[in-house]
Amino acid sequence: MSSAVATKAWIIRKGNGQLQVYPSPVVLKIDETFKIRNLTDSDATAVFPDGTVVGPNGEPRVSIRAGKCDPDLKVVAKEPKYFEYDVTLGRGLYAEGGSKPGGIIDP
């Protein structure tokens, strides 16, 4: 039996047009596989710090298509930590929502 990969964060455009990643920080587990769902009408790029999260190609930079929640992302950090990452949409618009998106890795 295969287990579904959970969506842990969402890229959204608020009513005022502001781009945001929710929740931030997102809480992740060591070795967890997860998804970020892009609920906007623009493709997004997420860039994670080295040694935290990677996409299926083993790189910390992943594309997340508009309206989708692909690809699977993998926590590669081996100890608890806090990190910040970048999410950009379209022509380099940052999804921040008042602060840079972040993650907490906790066993």
PDB file of N, CA and C in Angstrom:
ATOM      1  N   MET A   1       0.841  -1.173   0.000  1.00  0.00           N
ATOM      2  CA  MET A   1       0.000   0.000   0.000  1.00  0.00           C
ATOM      3  C   MET A   1       0.892   1.243   0.000  1.00  0.00           C
ATOM      4  N   SER A   2       0.649   2.164  -0.915  1.00  0.00           N
ATOM      5  CA  SER A   2       1.455   3.380  -0.958  1.00  0.00           C
ATOM      6  C   SER A   2       0.816   4.455  -0.093  1.00  0.00           C
ATOM      7  N   SER A   3       1.638   5.280   0.495  1.00  0.00           N
ATOM      8  CA  SER A   3       1.112   6.359   1.318  1.00  0.00           C
ATOM      9  C   SER A   3       1.179   7.661   0.529  1.00  0.00           C
ATOM     10  N   ALA A   4       0.164   8.479   0.697  1.00  0.00           N
ATOM     11  CA  ALA A   4       0.106   9.760  -0.002  1.00  0.00           C
ATOM     12  C   ALA A   4       1.105  10.731   0.613  1.00  0.00           C
ATOM     13  N   VAL A   5       1.645  11.594  -0.231  1.00  0.00           N
ATOM     14  CA  VAL A   5       2.566  12.623   0.238  1.00  0.00           C
ATOM     15  C   VAL A   5       1.741  13.836   0.642  1.00  0.00           C
ATOM     16  N   ALA A   6       1.917  14.295   1.868  1.00  0.00           N
ATOM     17  CA  ALA A   6       1.109  15.384   2.409  1.00  0.00           C
ATOM     18  C   ALA A   6       1.544  16.744   1.874  1.00  0.00           C
ATOM     19  N   THR A   7       0.551  17.587   1.600  1.00  0.00           N
ATOM     20  CA  THR A   7       0.816  18.992   1.294  1.00  0.00           C
ATOM     21  C   THR A   7       1.006  19.707   2.625  1.00  0.00           C
ATOM     22  N   LYS A   8       2.139  20.392   2.777  1.00  0.00           N
ATOM     23  CA  LYS A   8       2.474  21.046   4.049  1.00  0.00           C
ATOM     24  C   LYS A   8       2.409  22.562   3.984  1.00  0.00           C
ATOM     25  N   ALA A   9       2.443  23.148   2.757  1.00  0.00           N
ATOM     26  CA  ALA A   9       2.414  24.609   2.621  1.00  0.00           C
ATOM     27  C   ALA A   9       1.718  24.966   1.316  1.00  0.00           C
ATOM     28  N   TRP A  10       1.220  26.200   1.251  1.00  0.00           N
ATOM     29  CA  TRP A  10       0.489  26.668   0.092  1.00  0.00           C
ATOM     30  C   TRP A  10       1.019  28.037  -0.324  1.00  0.00           C
ATOM     31  N   ILE A  11       1.153  28.242  -1.623  1.00  0.00           N
ATOM     32  CA  ILE A  11       1.490  29.561  -2.174  1.00  0.00           C
ATOM     33  C   ILE A  11       0.163  30.188  -2.573  1.00  0.00           C
ATOM     34  N   ILE A  12      -0.139  31.349  -2.008  1.00  0.00           N
ATOM     35  CA  ILE A  12      -1.441  31.980  -2.235  1.00  0.00           C
ATOM     36  C   ILE A  12      -1.279  33.442  -2.647  1.00  0.00           C
ATOM     37  N   ARG A  13      -2.318  33.971  -3.269  1.00  0.00           N
ATOM     38  CA  ARG A  13      -2.410  35.400  -3.544  1.00  0.00           C
ATOM     39  C   ARG A  13      -3.601  35.900  -2.747  1.00  0.00           C
ATOM     40  N   LYS A  14      -3.344  36.762  -1.767  1.00  0.00           N
ATOM     41  CA  LYS A  14      -4.395  37.295  -0.914  1.00  0.00           C
ATOM     42  C   LYS A  14      -5.272  38.262  -1.699  1.00  0.00           C
ATOM     43  N   GLY A  15      -6.404  38.620  -1.139  1.00  0.00           N
ATOM     44  CA  GLY A  15      -7.344  39.530  -1.794  1.00  0.00           C
ATOM     45  C   GLY A  15      -6.743  40.869  -2.174  1.00  0.00           C
ATOM     46  N   ASN A  16      -5.721  41.302  -1.426  1.00  0.00           N
ATOM     47  CA  ASN A  16      -5.060  42.579  -1.725  1.00  0.00           C
ATOM     48  C   ASN A  16      -3.946  42.421  -2.761  1.00  0.00           C
ATOM     49  N   GLY A  17      -3.798  41.196  -3.322  1.00  0.00           N
ATOM     50  CA  GLY A  17      -2.783  40.949  -4.337  1.00  0.00           C
ATOM     51  C   GLY A  17      -1.447  40.482  -3.788  1.00  0.00           C
ATOM     52  N   GLN A  18      -1.274  40.521  -2.476  1.00  0.00           N
ATOM     53  CA  GLN A  18      -0.012  40.114  -1.858  1.00  0.00           C
ATOM     54  C   GLN A  18       0.198  38.610  -1.997  1.00  0.00           C
ATOM     55  N   LEU A  19       1.407  38.217  -2.380  1.00  0.00           N
ATOM     56  CA  LEU A  19       1.776  36.803  -2.483  1.00  0.00           C
ATOM     57  C   LEU A  19       2.311  36.326  -1.148  1.00  0.00           C
ATOM     58  N   GLN A  20       1.917  35.129  -0.742  1.00  0.00           N
ATOM     59  CA  GLN A  20       2.313  34.634   0.563  1.00  0.00           C
ATOM     60  C   GLN A  20       2.460  33.117   0.526  1.00  0.00           C
ATOM     61  N   VAL A  21       3.359  32.598   1.361  1.00  0.00           N
ATOM     62  CA  VAL A  21       3.458  31.162   1.596  1.00  0.00           C
ATOM     63  C   VAL A  21       2.853  30.908   2.972  1.00  0.00           C
ATOM     64  N   TYR A  22       1.900  29.967   3.039  1.00  0.00           N
ATOM     65  CA  TYR A  22       1.198  29.694   4.285  1.00  0.00           C
ATOM     66  C   TYR A  22       1.266  28.202   4.576  1.00  0.00           C
ATOM     67  N   PRO A  23       1.513  27.761   5.782  1.00  0.00           N
ATOM     68  CA  PRO A  23       1.975  28.562   6.904  1.00  0.00           C
ATOM     69  C   PRO A  23       3.474  28.828   6.793  1.00  0.00           C
ATOM     70  N   SER A  24       3.906  29.785   7.496  1.00  0.00           N
ATOM     71  CA  SER A  24       5.330  30.077   7.574  1.00  0.00           C
ATOM     72  C   SER A  24       5.645  30.516   8.993  1.00  0.00           C
ATOM     73  N   PRO A  25       6.509  29.788   9.675  1.00  0.00           N
ATOM     74  CA  PRO A  25       7.265  28.654   9.171  1.00  0.00           C
ATOM     75  C   PRO A  25       6.403  27.391   9.094  1.00  0.00           C
ATOM     76  N   VAL A  26       6.775  26.531   8.159  1.00  0.00           N
ATOM     77  CA  VAL A  26       6.157  25.219   8.030  1.00  0.00           C
ATOM     78  C   VAL A  26       6.967  24.252   8.897  1.00  0.00           C
ATOM     79  N   VAL A  27       6.281  23.343   9.599  1.00  0.00           N
ATOM     80  CA  VAL A  27       6.964  22.393  10.473  1.00  0.00           C
ATOM     81  C   VAL A  27       7.134  21.079   9.707  1.00  0.00           C
ATOM     82  N   LEU A  28       8.378  20.623   9.628  1.00  0.00           N
ATOM     83  CA  LEU A  28       8.741  19.420   8.884  1.00  0.00           C
ATOM     84  C   LEU A  28       9.509  18.462   9.789  1.00  0.00           C
ATOM     85  N   LYS A  29       9.523  17.201   9.397  1.00  0.00           N
ATOM     86  CA  LYS A  29      10.260  16.168  10.127  1.00  0.00           C
ATOM     87  C   LYS A  29      11.503  15.761   9.338  1.00  0.00           C
ATOM     88  N   ILE A  30      12.538  15.321  10.029  1.00  0.00           N
ATOM     89  CA  ILE A  30      13.738  14.791   9.382  1.00  0.00           C
ATOM     90  C   ILE A  30      13.325  13.624   8.486  1.00  0.00           C
ATOM     91  N   ASP A  31      13.825  13.605   7.248  1.00  0.00           N
ATOM     92  CA  ASP A  31      13.550  12.582   6.231  1.00  0.00           C
ATOM     93  C   ASP A  31      12.126  12.616   5.674  1.00  0.00           C
ATOM     94  N   GLU A  32      11.333  13.626   6.008  1.00  0.00           N
ATOM     95  CA  GLU A  32       9.957  13.711   5.511  1.00  0.00           C
ATOM     96  C   GLU A  32       9.915  14.082   4.024  1.00  0.00           C
ATOM     97  N   THR A  33       8.968  13.507   3.312  1.00  0.00           N
ATOM     98  CA  THR A  33       8.655  13.905   1.944  1.00  0.00           C
ATOM     99  C   THR A  33       7.345  14.672   1.999  1.00  0.00           C
ATOM    100  N   PHE A  34       7.289  15.830   1.314  1.00  0.00           N
ATOM    101  CA  PHE A  34       6.115  16.700   1.396  1.00  0.00           C
ATOM    102  C   PHE A  34       5.929  17.445   0.083  1.00  0.00           C
ATOM    103  N   LYS A  35       4.838  18.185  -0.011  1.00  0.00           N
ATOM    104  CA  LYS A  35       4.540  18.999  -1.179  1.00  0.00           C
ATOM    105  C   LYS A  35       4.203  20.429  -0.758  1.00  0.00           C
ATOM    106  N   ILE A  36       4.406  21.353  -1.698  1.00  0.00           N
ATOM    107  CA  ILE A  36       3.920  22.722  -1.586  1.00  0.00           C
ATOM    108  C   ILE A  36       2.929  22.907  -2.730  1.00  0.00           C
ATOM    109  N   ARG A  37       1.705  23.309  -2.427  1.00  0.00           N
ATOM    110  CA  ARG A  37       0.686  23.525  -3.463  1.00  0.00           C
ATOM    111  C   ARG A  37       0.691  24.993  -3.874  1.00  0.00           C
ATOM    112  N   ASN A  38       0.736  25.229  -5.175  1.00  0.00           N
ATOM    113  CA  ASN A  38       0.725  26.574  -5.741  1.00  0.00           C
ATOM    114  C   ASN A  38      -0.705  26.900  -6.152  1.00  0.00           C
ATOM    115  N   LEU A  39      -1.390  27.739  -5.383  1.00  0.00           N
ATOM    116  CA  LEU A  39      -2.771  28.107  -5.662  1.00  0.00           C
ATOM    117  C   LEU A  39      -2.882  29.391  -6.482  1.00  0.00           C
ATOM    118  N   THR A  40      -1.793  29.828  -7.087  1.00  0.00           N
ATOM    119  CA  THR A  40      -1.826  31.031  -7.920  1.00  0.00           C
ATOM    120  C   THR A  40      -1.917  30.637  -9.389  1.00  0.00           C
ATOM    121  N   ASP A  41      -2.034  31.662 -10.243  1.00  0.00           N
ATOM    122  CA  ASP A  41      -2.098  31.409 -11.688  1.00  0.00           C
ATOM    123  C   ASP A  41      -0.749  31.601 -12.368  1.00  0.00           C
ATOM    124  N   SER A  42       0.338  31.644 -11.580  1.00  0.00           N
ATOM    125  CA  SER A  42       1.696  31.779 -12.122  1.00  0.00           C
ATOM    126  C   SER A  42       2.571  30.642 -11.617  1.00  0.00           C
ATOM    127  N   ASP A  43       3.470  30.152 -12.472  1.00  0.00           N
ATOM    128  CA  ASP A  43       4.447  29.164 -12.023  1.00  0.00           C
ATOM    129  C   ASP A  43       5.342  29.783 -10.959  1.00  0.00           C
ATOM    130  N   ALA A  44       5.798  28.967 -10.025  1.00  0.00           N
ATOM    131  CA  ALA A  44       6.640  29.439  -8.929  1.00  0.00           C
ATOM    132  C   ALA A  44       7.957  28.664  -8.910  1.00  0.00           C
ATOM    133  N   THR A  45       8.963  29.291  -8.322  1.00  0.00           N
ATOM    134  CA  THR A  45      10.249  28.641  -8.073  1.00  0.00           C
ATOM    135  C   THR A  45      10.549  28.779  -6.591  1.00  0.00           C
ATOM    136  N   ALA A  46      10.873  27.651  -5.950  1.00  0.00           N
ATOM    137  CA  ALA A  46      11.285  27.662  -4.547  1.00  0.00           C
ATOM    138  C   ALA A  46      12.759  27.302  -4.491  1.00  0.00           C
ATOM    139  N   VAL A  47      13.517  28.064  -3.707  1.00  0.00           N
ATOM    140  CA  VAL A  47      14.949  27.806  -3.538  1.00  0.00           C
ATOM    141  C   VAL A  47      15.224  27.665  -2.042  1.00  0.00           C
ATOM    142  N   PHE A  48      15.666  26.468  -1.661  1.00  0.00           N
ATOM    143  CA  PHE A  48      15.939  26.154  -0.265  1.00  0.00           C
ATOM    144  C   PHE A  48      17.431  26.243   0.005  1.00  0.00           C
ATOM    145  N   PRO A  49      17.836  26.565   1.245  1.00  0.00           N
ATOM    146  CA  PRO A  49      19.263  26.569   1.572  1.00  0.00           C
ATOM    147  C   PRO A  49      19.853  25.164   1.415  1.00  0.00           C
ATOM    148  N   ASP A  50      21.100  25.104   1.017  1.00  0.00           N
ATOM    149  CA  ASP A  50      21.785  23.816   0.897  1.00  0.00           C
ATOM    150  C   ASP A  50      21.655  23.027   2.200  1.00  0.00           C
ATOM    151  N   GLY A  51      21.420  21.731   2.067  1.00  0.00           N
ATOM    152  CA  GLY A  51      21.370  20.862   3.237  1.00  0.00           C
ATOM    153  C   GLY A  51      20.063  20.881   3.995  1.00  0.00           C
ATOM    154  N   THR A  52      18.990  21.429   3.401  1.00  0.00           N
ATOM    155  CA  THR A  52      17.696  21.452   4.092  1.00  0.00           C
ATOM    156  C   THR A  52      16.647  20.638   3.358  1.00  0.00           C
ATOM    157  N   VAL A  53      16.294  21.060   2.139  1.00  0.00           N
ATOM    158  CA  VAL A  53      15.229  20.437   1.350  1.00  0.00           C
ATOM    159  C   VAL A  53      15.691  20.346  -0.097  1.00  0.00           C
ATOM    160  N   VAL A  54      15.360  19.238  -0.765  1.00  0.00           N
ATOM    161  CA  VAL A  54      15.682  19.078  -2.185  1.00  0.00           C
ATOM    162  C   VAL A  54      14.462  18.554  -2.935  1.00  0.00           C
ATOM    163  N   GLY A  55      14.481  18.771  -4.252  1.00  0.00           N
ATOM    164  CA  GLY A  55      13.462  18.229  -5.130  1.00  0.00           C
ATOM    165  C   GLY A  55      13.881  16.855  -5.626  1.00  0.00           C
ATOM    166  N   PRO A  56      13.126  16.284  -6.579  1.00  0.00           N
ATOM    167  CA  PRO A  56      13.412  14.929  -7.059  1.00  0.00           C
ATOM    168  C   PRO A  56      14.759  14.788  -7.760  1.00  0.00           C
ATOM    169  N   ASN A  57      15.321  15.896  -8.243  1.00  0.00           N
ATOM    170  CA  ASN A  57      16.632  15.841  -8.907  1.00  0.00           C
ATOM    171  C   ASN A  57      17.785  16.030  -7.930  1.00  0.00           C
ATOM    172  N   GLY A  58      17.463  16.138  -6.624  1.00  0.00           N
ATOM    173  CA  GLY A  58      18.495  16.311  -5.606  1.00  0.00           C
ATOM    174  C   GLY A  58      18.983  17.736  -5.464  1.00  0.00           C
ATOM    175  N   GLU A  59      18.364  18.670  -6.168  1.00  0.00           N
ATOM    176  CA  GLU A  59      18.749  20.084  -6.118  1.00  0.00           C
ATOM    177  C   GLU A  59      17.818  20.864  -5.190  1.00  0.00           C
ATOM    178  N   PRO A  60      18.337  21.938  -4.553  1.00  0.00           N
ATOM    179  CA  PRO A  60      17.513  22.739  -3.650  1.00  0.00           C
ATOM    180  C   PRO A  60      16.608  23.746  -4.373  1.00  0.00           C
ATOM    181  N   ARG A  61      16.638  23.776  -5.705  1.00  0.00           N
ATOM    182  CA  ARG A  61      15.803  24.690  -6.505  1.00  0.00           C
ATOM    183  C   ARG A  61      14.754  23.846  -7.228  1.00  0.00           C
ATOM    184  N   VAL A  62      13.463  24.159  -7.020  1.00  0.00           N
ATOM    185  CA  VAL A  62      12.388  23.400  -7.650  1.00  0.00           C
ATOM    186  C   VAL A  62      11.356  24.341  -8.262  1.00  0.00           C
ATOM    187  N   SER A  63      10.712  23.876  -9.319  1.00  0.00           N
ATOM    188  CA  SER A  63       9.608  24.602  -9.949  1.00  0.00           C
ATOM    189  C   SER A  63       8.300  23.982  -9.501  1.00  0.00           C
ATOM    190  N   ILE A  64       7.324  24.850  -9.211  1.00  0.00           N
ATOM    191  CA  ILE A  64       6.000  24.405  -8.797  1.00  0.00           C
ATOM    192  C   ILE A  64       5.004  25.069  -9.741  1.00  0.00           C
ATOM    193  N   ARG A  65       4.372  24.283 -10.585  1.00  0.00           N
ATOM    194  CA  ARG A  65       3.495  24.820 -11.615  1.00  0.00           C
ATOM    195  C   ARG A  65       2.242  25.464 -11.028  1.00  0.00           C
ATOM    196  N   ALA A  66       1.721  26.444 -11.745  1.00  0.00           N
ATOM    197  CA  ALA A  66       0.492  27.129 -11.339  1.00  0.00           C
ATOM    198  C   ALA A  66      -0.633  26.119 -11.158  1.00  0.00           C
ATOM    199  N   GLY A  67      -1.343  26.221 -10.031  1.00  0.00           N
ATOM    200  CA  GLY A  67      -2.470  25.350  -9.774  1.00  0.00           C
ATOM    201  C   GLY A  67      -2.118  23.921  -9.417  1.00  0.00           C
ATOM    202  N   LYS A  68      -0.858  23.618  -9.198  1.00  0.00           N
ATOM    203  CA  LYS A  68      -0.414  22.241  -8.943  1.00  0.00           C
ATOM    204  C   LYS A  68       0.299  22.125  -7.596  1.00  0.00           C
ATOM    205  N   CYS A  69       0.584  20.881  -7.222  1.00  0.00           N
ATOM    206  CA  CYS A  69       1.402  20.628  -6.026  1.00  0.00           C
ATOM    207  C   CYS A  69       2.439  19.571  -6.367  1.00  0.00           C
ATOM    208  N   ASP A  70       3.287  19.910  -7.295  1.00  0.00           N
ATOM    209  CA  ASP A  70       4.370  19.019  -7.678  1.00  0.00           C
ATOM    210  C   ASP A  70       5.638  19.830  -7.709  1.00  0.00           C
ATOM    211  N   PRO A  71       6.749  19.268  -7.510  1.00  0.00           N
ATOM    212  CA  PRO A  71       7.069  17.858  -7.303  1.00  0.00           C
ATOM    213  C   PRO A  71       7.115  17.516  -5.818  1.00  0.00           C
ATOM    214  N   ASP A  72       7.412  16.235  -5.510  1.00  0.00           N
ATOM    215  CA  ASP A  72       7.667  15.841  -4.124  1.00  0.00           C
ATOM    216  C   ASP A  72       8.971  16.484  -3.667  1.00  0.00           C
ATOM    217  N   LEU A  73       8.977  16.976  -2.447  1.00  0.00           N
ATOM    218  CA  LEU A  73      10.162  17.589  -1.841  1.00  0.00           C
ATOM    219  C   LEU A  73      10.608  16.710  -0.677  1.00  0.00           C
ATOM    220  N   LYS A  74      11.907  16.671  -0.417  1.00  0.00           N
ATOM    221  CA  LYS A  74      12.461  15.786   0.614  1.00  0.00           C
ATOM    222  C   LYS A  74      13.316  16.576   1.587  1.00  0.00           C
ATOM    223  N   VAL A  75      13.058  16.412   2.888  1.00  0.00           N
ATOM    224  CA  VAL A  75      13.900  17.013   3.920  1.00  0.00           C
ATOM    225  C   VAL A  75      15.179  16.197   3.998  1.00  0.00           C
ATOM    226  N   VAL A  76      16.323  16.861   3.811  1.00  0.00           N
ATOM    227  CA  VAL A  76      17.613  16.164   3.858  1.00  0.00           C
ATOM    228  C   VAL A  76      18.452  16.576   5.074  1.00  0.00           C
ATOM    229  N   ALA A  77      17.996  17.572   5.827  1.00  0.00           N
ATOM    230  CA  ALA A  77      18.706  17.963   7.052  1.00  0.00           C
ATOM    231  C   ALA A  77      18.657  16.792   8.025  1.00  0.00           C
ATOM    232  N   LYS A  78      19.711  16.597   8.769  1.00  0.00           N
ATOM    233  CA  LYS A  78      19.801  15.472   9.693  1.00  0.00           C
ATOM    234  C   LYS A  78      19.712  15.889  11.152  1.00  0.00           C
ATOM    235  N   GLU A  79      19.431  17.173  11.382  1.00  0.00           N
ATOM    236  CA  GLU A  79      19.273  17.656  12.754  1.00  0.00           C
ATOM    237  C   GLU A  79      18.229  18.772  12.771  1.00  0.00           C
ATOM    238  N   PRO A  80      17.621  19.030  13.917  1.00  0.00           N
ATOM    239  CA  PRO A  80      16.634  20.099  14.012  1.00  0.00           C
ATOM    240  C   PRO A  80      17.253  21.449  13.631  1.00  0.00           C
ATOM    241  N   LYS A  81      16.470  22.261  12.925  1.00  0.00           N
ATOM    242  CA  LYS A  81      16.956  23.596  12.574  1.00  0.00           C
ATOM    243  C   LYS A  81      15.823  24.445  12.042  1.00  0.00           C
ATOM    244  N   TYR A  82      16.058  25.750  12.024  1.00  0.00           N
ATOM    245  CA  TYR A  82      15.178  26.717  11.378  1.00  0.00           C
ATOM    246  C   TYR A  82      15.882  27.202  10.120  1.00  0.00           C
ATOM    247  N   PHE A  83      15.140  27.408   9.041  1.00  0.00           N
ATOM    248  CA  PHE A  83      15.725  27.947   7.818  1.00  0.00           C
ATOM    249  C   PHE A  83      14.716  28.845   7.117  1.00  0.00           C
ATOM    250  N   GLU A  84      15.214  29.727   6.281  1.00  0.00           N
ATOM    251  CA  GLU A  84      14.378  30.559   5.427  1.00  0.00           C
ATOM    252  C   GLU A  84      14.640  30.176   3.985  1.00  0.00           C
ATOM    253  N   TYR A  85      13.631  30.345   3.118  1.00  0.00           N
ATOM    254  CA  TYR A  85      13.785  30.006   1.710  1.00  0.00           C
ATOM    255  C   TYR A  85      13.071  31.048   0.858  1.00  0.00           C
ATOM    256  N   ASP A  86      13.377  31.056  -0.433  1.00  0.00           N
ATOM    257  CA  ASP A  86      12.781  32.004  -1.363  1.00  0.00           C
ATOM    258  C   ASP A  86      11.739  31.325  -2.229  1.00  0.00           C
ATOM    259  N   VAL A  87      10.636  32.020  -2.454  1.00  0.00           N
ATOM    260  CA  VAL A  87       9.631  31.595  -3.426  1.00  0.00           C
ATOM    261  C   VAL A  87       9.360  32.783  -4.320  1.00  0.00           C
ATOM    262  N   THR A  88       9.567  32.604  -5.625  1.00  0.00           N
ATOM    263  CA  THR A  88       9.297  33.668  -6.593  1.00  0.00           C
ATOM    264  C   THR A  88       8.269  33.176  -7.604  1.00  0.00           C
ATOM    265  N   LEU A  89       7.487  34.109  -8.116  1.00  0.00           N
ATOM    266  CA  LEU A  89       6.481  33.805  -9.120  1.00  0.00           C
ATOM    267  C   LEU A  89       6.668  34.714 -10.314  1.00  0.00           C
ATOM    268  N   GLY A  90       6.304  34.198 -11.480  1.00  0.00           N
ATOM    269  CA  GLY A  90       6.318  35.007 -12.686  1.00  0.00           C
ATOM    270  C   GLY A  90       7.642  35.701 -12.918  1.00  0.00           C
ATOM    271  N   ARG A  91       7.611  37.008 -12.939  1.00  0.00           N
ATOM    272  CA  ARG A  91       8.793  37.822 -13.232  1.00  0.00           C
ATOM    273  C   ARG A  91       9.587  38.178 -11.983  1.00  0.00           C
ATOM    274  N   GLY A  92       9.742  37.239 -11.091  1.00  0.00           N
ATOM    275  CA  GLY A  92      10.567  37.471  -9.914  1.00  0.00           C
ATOM    276  C   GLY A  92       9.844  38.118  -8.751  1.00  0.00           C
ATOM    277  N   LEU A  93       8.506  38.044  -8.723  1.00  0.00           N
ATOM    278  CA  LEU A  93       7.759  38.564  -7.591  1.00  0.00           C
ATOM    279  C   LEU A  93       7.919  37.619  -6.415  1.00  0.00           C
ATOM    280  N   TYR A  94       8.348  38.150  -5.282  1.00  0.00           N
ATOM    281  CA  TYR A  94       8.575  37.317  -4.107  1.00  0.00           C
ATOM    282  C   TYR A  94       7.282  37.077  -3.339  1.00  0.00           C
ATOM    283  N   ALA A  95       7.065  35.844  -2.930  1.00  0.00           N
ATOM    284  CA  ALA A  95       5.957  35.504  -2.044  1.00  0.00           C
ATOM    285  C   ALA A  95       6.498  35.567  -0.623  1.00  0.00           C
ATOM    286  N   GLU A  96       6.095  36.577   0.108  1.00  0.00           N
ATOM    287  CA  GLU A  96       6.626  36.746   1.459  1.00  0.00           C
ATOM    288  C   GLU A  96       5.530  36.886   2.499  1.00  0.00           C
ATOM    289  N   GLY A  97       4.601  37.791   2.293  1.00  0.00           N
ATOM    290  CA  GLY A  97       3.537  37.978   3.272  1.00  0.00           C
ATOM    291  C   GLY A  97       4.006  38.594   4.564  1.00  0.00           C
ATOM    292  N   GLY A  98       4.912  39.548   4.494  1.00  0.00           N
ATOM    293  CA  GLY A  98       5.401  40.243   5.674  1.00  0.00           C
ATOM    294  C   GLY A  98       6.711  39.730   6.198  1.00  0.00           C
ATOM    295  N   SER A  99       7.065  38.491   5.878  1.00  0.00           N
ATOM    296  CA  SER A  99       8.357  37.965   6.256  1.00  0.00           C
ATOM    297  C   SER A  99       8.710  36.844   5.277  1.00  0.00           C
ATOM    298  N   LYS A 100       9.995  36.565   5.177  1.00  0.00           N
ATOM    299  CA  LYS A 100      10.473  35.523   4.266  1.00  0.00           C
ATOM    300  C   LYS A 100       9.947  34.171   4.710  1.00  0.00           C
ATOM    301  N   PRO A 101       9.498  33.295   3.760  1.00  0.00           N
ATOM    302  CA  PRO A 101       9.021  31.974   4.165  1.00  0.00           C
ATOM    303  C   PRO A 101      10.096  31.204   4.921  1.00  0.00           C
ATOM    304  N   GLY A 102       9.667  30.420   5.887  1.00  0.00           N
ATOM    305  CA  GLY A 102      10.624  29.657   6.672  1.00  0.00           C
ATOM    306  C   GLY A 102      10.130  28.257   6.969  1.00  0.00           C
ATOM    307  N   GLY A 103      11.026  27.458   7.508  1.00  0.00           N
ATOM    308  CA  GLY A 103      10.710  26.110   7.898  1.00  0.00           C
ATOM    309  C   GLY A 103      11.402  25.754   9.199  1.00  0.00           C
ATOM    310  N   ILE A 104      10.761  24.881   9.946  1.00  0.00           N
ATOM    311  CA  ILE A 104      11.351  24.330  11.168  1.00  0.00           C
ATOM    312  C   ILE A 104      11.435  22.826  10.971  1.00  0.00           C
ATOM    313  N   ILE A 105      12.642  22.291  11.069  1.00  0.00           N
ATOM    314  CA  ILE A 105      12.845  20.856  10.986  1.00  0.00           C
ATOM    315  C   ILE A 105      12.993  20.347  12.418  1.00  0.00           C
ATOM    316  N   ASP A 106      12.100  19.437  12.796  1.00  0.00           N
ATOM    317  CA  ASP A 106      12.066  18.936  14.161  1.00  0.00           C
ATOM    318  C   ASP A 106      11.855  17.432  14.093  1.00  0.00           C
ATOM    319  N   PRO A 107      12.659  16.668  14.812  1.00  0.00           N
ATOM    320  CA  PRO A 107      12.514  15.215  14.717  1.00  0.00           C
ATOM    321  C   PRO A 107      11.122  14.775  15.105  1.00  0.00           C
TER     322      PRO A 107
END
